[in-house]
C-alpha atoms as a PDB file:
ATOM      1  CA  MET A   1      -4.318   9.763 -20.489  1.00  0.00           C
ATOM      2  CA  GLY A   2      -2.920   6.429 -21.672  1.00  0.00           C
ATOM      3  CA  GLU A   3      -4.473   3.013 -22.132  1.00  0.00           C
ATOM      4  CA  PRO A   4      -5.620   1.377 -18.890  1.00  0.00           C
ATOM      5  CA  LEU A   5      -3.063  -1.099 -17.543  1.00  0.00           C
ATOM      6  CA  GLY A   6      -5.261  -2.409 -14.767  1.00  0.00           C
ATOM      7  CA  LEU A   7      -6.181  -1.699 -11.202  1.00  0.00           C
ATOM      8  CA  LEU A   8      -4.142  -1.432  -8.029  1.00  0.00           C
ATOM      9  CA  LYS A   9      -6.224  -2.434  -5.019  1.00  0.00           C
ATOM     10  CA  VAL A  10      -4.769  -1.376  -1.670  1.00  0.00           C
ATOM     11  CA  THR A  11      -6.377  -2.721   1.485  1.00  0.00           C
ATOM     12  CA  VAL A  12      -5.478  -0.549   4.466  1.00  0.00           C
ATOM     13  CA  VAL A  13      -5.668  -3.271   7.110  1.00  0.00           C
ATOM     14  CA  ARG A  14      -4.607  -1.658  10.369  1.00  0.00           C
ATOM     15  CA  GLY A  15      -2.197   0.557  12.233  1.00  0.00           C
ATOM     16  CA  ARG A  16      -0.232  -0.114  15.380  1.00  0.00           C
ATOM     17  CA  ARG A  17       1.538   2.042  17.943  1.00  0.00           C
ATOM     18  CA  LEU A  18       0.395   5.275  16.281  1.00  0.00           C
ATOM     19  CA  VAL A  19       1.379   8.525  17.989  1.00  0.00           C
ATOM     20  CA  ILE A  20      -0.882  10.530  20.313  1.00  0.00           C
ATOM     21  CA  ARG A  21      -1.970  13.816  18.750  1.00  0.00           C
ATOM     22  CA  ASP A  22      -4.956  14.691  20.953  1.00  0.00           C
ATOM     23  CA  PHE A  23      -5.102  14.722  24.760  1.00  0.00           C
ATOM     24  CA  LYS A  24      -4.822  10.930  25.323  1.00  0.00           C
ATOM     25  CA  SER A  25      -5.322   9.390  21.894  1.00  0.00           C
ATOM     26  CA  SER A  26      -5.788  10.197  18.190  1.00  0.00           C
ATOM     27  CA  ASP A  27      -8.492   9.951  15.532  1.00  0.00           C
ATOM     28  CA  PRO A  28      -6.433   8.498  12.645  1.00  0.00           C
ATOM     29  CA  TYR A  29      -7.148   8.190   8.945  1.00  0.00           C
ATOM     30  CA  VAL A  30      -4.878   7.261   6.023  1.00  0.00           C
ATOM     31  CA  ILE A  31      -4.390   8.998   2.671  1.00  0.00           C
ATOM     32  CA  ILE A  32      -2.718   7.091  -0.170  1.00  0.00           C
ATOM     33  CA  LYS A  33      -1.415   8.851  -3.282  1.00  0.00           C
ATOM     34  CA  LEU A  34      -0.461   7.354  -6.628  1.00  0.00           C
ATOM     35  CA  ARG A  35       0.675  10.158  -8.947  1.00  0.00           C
ATOM     36  CA  ASN A  36      -2.444  12.326  -9.410  1.00  0.00           C
ATOM     37  CA  GLN A  37      -4.861   9.918  -7.668  1.00  0.00           C
ATOM     38  CA  THR A  38      -5.694  10.150  -3.975  1.00  0.00           C
ATOM     39  CA  ALA A  39      -7.856   7.956  -1.748  1.00  0.00           C
ATOM     40  CA  LYS A  40      -8.673   8.192   1.942  1.00  0.00           C
ATOM     41  CA  THR A  41      -9.881   5.816   4.654  1.00  0.00           C
ATOM     42  CA  ARG A  42     -12.556   6.623   7.185  1.00  0.00           C
ATOM     43  CA  VAL A  43     -11.595   8.132  10.551  1.00  0.00           C
ATOM     44  CA  ILE A  44     -11.287   5.759  13.517  1.00  0.00           C
ATOM     45  CA  ASN A  45     -12.033   7.734  16.674  1.00  0.00           C
ATOM     46  CA  SER A  46      -9.867   7.590  19.817  1.00  0.00           C
ATOM     47  CA  CYS A  47      -7.571   4.755  18.739  1.00  0.00           C
ATOM     48  CA  LEU A  48      -3.811   4.245  18.485  1.00  0.00           C
ATOM     49  CA  ASN A  49      -4.148   0.712  17.044  1.00  0.00           C
ATOM     50  CA  PRO A  50      -6.947   1.203  14.494  1.00  0.00           C
ATOM     51  CA  VAL A  51      -8.403  -1.494  12.244  1.00  0.00           C
ATOM     52  CA  TRP A  52      -9.706  -0.141   8.934  1.00  0.00           C
ATOM     53  CA  ASN A  53      -9.879  -3.194   6.621  1.00  0.00           C
ATOM     54  CA  GLU A  54     -10.747  -0.693   3.915  1.00  0.00           C
ATOM     55  CA  ASP A  55     -10.178  -1.181   0.170  1.00  0.00           C
ATOM     56  CA  LEU A  56      -8.861   1.739  -1.891  1.00  0.00           C
ATOM     57  CA  SER A  57      -8.572   1.321  -5.674  1.00  0.00           C
ATOM     58  CA  PHE A  58      -6.406   3.130  -8.196  1.00  0.00           C
ATOM     59  CA  SER A  59      -6.640   3.010 -11.982  1.00  0.00           C
ATOM     60  CA  LEU A  60      -3.271   2.359 -13.608  1.00  0.00           C
ATOM     61  CA  THR A  61      -2.531   3.947 -16.976  1.00  0.00           C
ATOM     62  CA  GLU A  62       1.233   3.599 -16.624  1.00  0.00           C
ATOM     63  CA  ALA A  63       3.585   1.825 -14.263  1.00  0.00           C
ATOM     64  CA  VAL A  64       3.738   3.917 -11.109  1.00  0.00           C
ATOM     65  CA  GLU A  65       7.092   3.767  -9.371  1.00  0.00           C
ATOM     66  CA  THR A  66       6.124   4.779  -5.840  1.00  0.00           C
ATOM     67  CA  MET A  67       3.071   4.787  -3.610  1.00  0.00           C
ATOM     68  CA  HIS A  68       2.913   7.502  -0.926  1.00  0.00           C
ATOM     69  CA  LEU A  69       1.011   7.165   2.327  1.00  0.00           C
ATOM     70  CA  GLN A  70       0.191   9.750   5.001  1.00  0.00           C
ATOM     71  CA  VAL A  71      -1.562   9.305   8.344  1.00  0.00           C
ATOM     72  CA  PHE A  72      -3.439  12.182   9.962  1.00  0.00           C
ATOM     73  CA  ASP A  73      -5.329  12.835  13.196  1.00  0.00           C
ATOM     74  CA  LYS A  74      -8.761  14.303  12.467  1.00  0.00           C
ATOM     75  CA  ASP A  75      -9.405  17.525  14.361  1.00  0.00           C
ATOM     76  CA  ARG A  76     -12.696  19.365  14.508  1.00  0.00           C
ATOM     77  CA  PHE A  77     -11.666  22.993  14.981  1.00  0.00           C
ATOM     78  CA  LYS A  78      -8.105  23.157  13.631  1.00  0.00           C
ATOM     79  CA  PRO A  79      -6.100  21.633  10.756  1.00  0.00           C
ATOM     80  CA  ASP A  80      -5.580  17.876  11.015  1.00  0.00           C
ATOM     81  CA  ASP A  81      -2.329  16.812  12.702  1.00  0.00           C
ATOM     82  CA  LYS A  82       0.307  14.773  10.871  1.00  0.00           C
ATOM     83  CA  MET A  83       0.863  11.310  12.315  1.00  0.00           C
ATOM     84  CA  GLY A  84       3.585  10.171   9.918  1.00  0.00           C
ATOM     85  CA  HIS A  85       4.226   9.274   6.298  1.00  0.00           C
ATOM     86  CA  ALA A  86       5.712   6.409   4.300  1.00  0.00           C
ATOM     87  CA  HIS A  87       6.485   5.377   0.742  1.00  0.00           C
ATOM     88  CA  LEU A  88       6.809   2.080  -1.058  1.00  0.00           C
ATOM     89  CA  SER A  89       8.453   1.268  -4.372  1.00  0.00           C
ATOM     90  CA  LEU A  90       5.978  -0.638  -6.561  1.00  0.00           C
ATOM     91  CA  GLN A  91       8.641  -1.817  -9.042  1.00  0.00           C
ATOM     92  CA  PRO A  92       9.120  -5.207  -7.327  1.00  0.00           C
ATOM     93  CA  LEU A  93       5.349  -5.811  -7.526  1.00  0.00           C
ATOM     94  CA  PHE A  94       5.169  -4.900 -11.236  1.00  0.00           C
ATOM     95  CA  SER A  95       8.238  -7.040 -11.998  1.00  0.00           C
ATOM     96  CA  ALA A  96       6.709 -10.008 -10.176  1.00  0.00           C
ATOM     97  CA  ALA A  97       3.431  -9.552 -12.083  1.00  0.00           C
ATOM     98  CA  ARG A  98       5.261  -9.620 -15.422  1.00  0.00           C
ATOM     99  CA  LEU A  99       7.136 -12.734 -14.305  1.00  0.00           C
ATOM    100  CA  THR A 100       3.864 -14.576 -13.577  1.00  0.00           C
ATOM    101  CA  GLN A 101       2.634 -13.741 -17.073  1.00  0.00           C
ATOM    102  CA  ILE A 102       5.851 -14.917 -18.715  1.00  0.00           C
ATOM    103  CA  LEU A 103       5.858 -18.155 -16.687  1.00  0.00           C
ATOM    104  CA  GLY A 104       2.105 -18.670 -17.068  1.00  0.00           C
ATOM    105  CA  VAL A 105       1.455 -19.018 -13.317  1.00  0.00           C
ATOM    106  CA  SER A 106      -2.319 -19.091 -12.879  1.00  0.00           C
ATOM    107  CA  SER A 107      -3.317 -21.518 -10.128  1.00  0.00           C
ATOM    108  CA  GLY A 108      -2.224 -22.375  -6.621  1.00  0.00           C
ATOM    109  CA  GLU A 109       0.009 -20.227  -4.454  1.00  0.00           C
ATOM    110  CA  THR A 110       3.541 -19.275  -5.460  1.00  0.00           C
ATOM    111  CA  THR A 111       5.980 -17.014  -3.616  1.00  0.00           C
ATOM    112  CA  LEU A 112       7.510 -14.804  -6.296  1.00  0.00           C
ATOM    113  CA  ARG A 113       9.808 -12.510  -4.390  1.00  0.00           C
ATOM    114  CA  LYS A 114      10.854 -11.237  -0.988  1.00  0.00           C
ATOM    115  CA  VAL A 115      11.446  -7.501  -0.525  1.00  0.00           C
ATOM    116  CA  VAL A 116      13.690  -6.379   2.315  1.00  0.00           C
ATOM    117  CA  PRO A 117      13.570  -3.018   4.103  1.00  0.00           C
ATOM    118  CA  SER A 118      15.755  -0.406   2.357  1.00  0.00           C
ATOM    119  CA  ASN A 119      16.009   3.315   1.631  1.00  0.00           C
ATOM    120  CA  GLU A 120      13.734   2.746  -1.414  1.00  0.00           C
ATOM    121  CA  ASN A 121      10.848   1.795   0.858  1.00  0.00           C
ATOM    122  CA  CYS A 122       9.633   2.241   4.418  1.00  0.00           C
ATOM    123  CA  LEU A 123       9.205  -1.459   5.114  1.00  0.00           C
ATOM    124  CA  ALA A 124       9.215  -2.334   8.802  1.00  0.00           C
ATOM    125  CA  VAL A 125       9.854  -6.026   8.051  1.00  0.00           C
ATOM    126  CA  GLU A 126      10.534  -8.201   5.024  1.00  0.00           C
ATOM    127  CA  SER A 127       7.591  -8.339   2.607  1.00  0.00           C
ATOM    128  CA  THR A 128       6.457 -11.215   0.400  1.00  0.00           C
ATOM    129  CA  ILE A 129       5.046 -10.907  -3.124  1.00  0.00           C
ATOM    130  CA  SER A 130       2.919 -13.928  -4.034  1.00  0.00           C
ATOM    131  CA  CYS A 131       0.747 -15.140  -6.856  1.00  0.00           C
ATOM    132  CA  ILE A 132      -2.447 -16.700  -5.525  1.00  0.00           C
ATOM    133  CA  ASP A 133      -4.718 -18.213  -8.183  1.00  0.00           C
ATOM    134  CA  GLY A 134      -3.371 -15.826 -10.816  1.00  0.00           C
ATOM    135  CA  GLU A 135      -3.519 -12.655  -8.692  1.00  0.00           C
ATOM    136  CA  VAL A 136      -0.280 -10.913  -7.682  1.00  0.00           C
ATOM    137  CA  MET A 137      -0.336  -9.679  -4.087  1.00  0.00           C
ATOM    138  CA  GLN A 138       2.041  -8.086  -1.611  1.00  0.00           C
ATOM    139  CA  ASP A 139       1.595  -7.898   2.155  1.00  0.00           C
ATOM    140  CA  VAL A 140       3.510  -5.041   3.789  1.00  0.00           C
ATOM    141  CA  TRP A 141       4.069  -3.362   7.127  1.00  0.00           C
ATOM    142  CA  LEU A 142       5.220   0.229   6.561  1.00  0.00           C
ATOM    143  CA  ARG A 143       7.111   2.111   9.254  1.00  0.00           C
ATOM    144  CA  LEU A 144       5.900   5.702   9.537  1.00  0.00           C
ATOM    145  CA  CYS A 145       8.556   8.396   9.098  1.00  0.00           C
ATOM    146  CA  GLY A 146       8.687  11.789  10.786  1.00  0.00           C
ATOM    147  CA  VAL A 147       7.196  10.504  14.060  1.00  0.00           C
ATOM    148  CA  GLU A 148       8.321   8.609  17.158  1.00  0.00           C
ATOM    149  CA  SER A 149       6.407   5.414  16.351  1.00  0.00           C
ATOM    150  CA  GLY A 150       3.755   3.854  14.177  1.00  0.00           C
ATOM    151  CA  GLU A 151       3.289   1.228  11.476  1.00  0.00           C
ATOM    152  CA  ILE A 152       0.580   0.594   8.885  1.00  0.00           C
ATOM    153  CA  GLU A 153      -0.303  -2.820   7.429  1.00  0.00           C
ATOM    154  CA  LEU A 154      -1.349  -2.943   3.759  1.00  0.00           C
ATOM    155  CA  LYS A 155      -2.345  -5.699   1.350  1.00  0.00           C
ATOM    156  CA  ILE A 156      -1.679  -4.688  -2.257  1.00  0.00           C
ATOM    157  CA  LYS A 157      -3.106  -6.490  -5.289  1.00  0.00           C
ATOM    158  CA  LEU A 158      -2.588  -5.931  -9.026  1.00  0.00           C
ATOM    159  CA  ILE A 159      -5.706  -6.679 -11.057  1.00  0.00           C
ATOM    160  CA  ASN A 160      -6.160  -7.106 -14.840  1.00  0.00           C
ATOM    161  CA  LEU A 161      -2.682  -6.329 -16.127  1.00  0.00           C
ATOM    162  CA  PRO A 162      -2.548  -6.802 -19.893  1.00  0.00           C
ATOM    163  CA  PRO A 163      -0.763  -9.927 -21.122  1.00  0.00           C
ATOM    164  CA  VAL A 164       2.903  -9.789 -22.062  1.00  0.00           C
ATOM    165  CA  ALA A 165       3.532 -10.199 -25.796  1.00  0.00           C
ATOM    166  CA  PRO A 166       5.432 -13.414 -26.545  1.00  0.00           C
ATOM    167  CA  ALA A 167       9.117 -12.994 -27.339  1.00  0.00           C
ATOM    168  CA  ARG A 168      10.101 -13.536 -30.980  1.00  0.00           C
END
């Protein structure tokens, strides 16, 4: 395992228009994977527009290219049902973080980059990467794939990235 690069904090904010997997509703939870690390939210019972506001943290030992997300419906007596999946390229976030270090941005709020929906991500709408008081953050709405409908809102923050060595 390499040297720690920092922490990736993912806040699973909420879901909207999730699919029905039980009789009239679903009991959704979210699993996020970063390489060999996995974290899971709590189950929200009988809800198609759940609010989690739950923080999941991942230790970074190398730049991770893609974050994977899956939504499931919790079932008691059978395997949990799939409610969709999504992925997001983290390269724009890492690039923006390096830019803040090079430019020395440490106070106030600065918009660093806009990321548009593409085949490299499952963005439902354009996403903004900002630096707020030295912390690099990205707000995203991910469209779930493999299902008729559903979106998940995340807030992603990079914490404690090592400083960039000055150019010679």
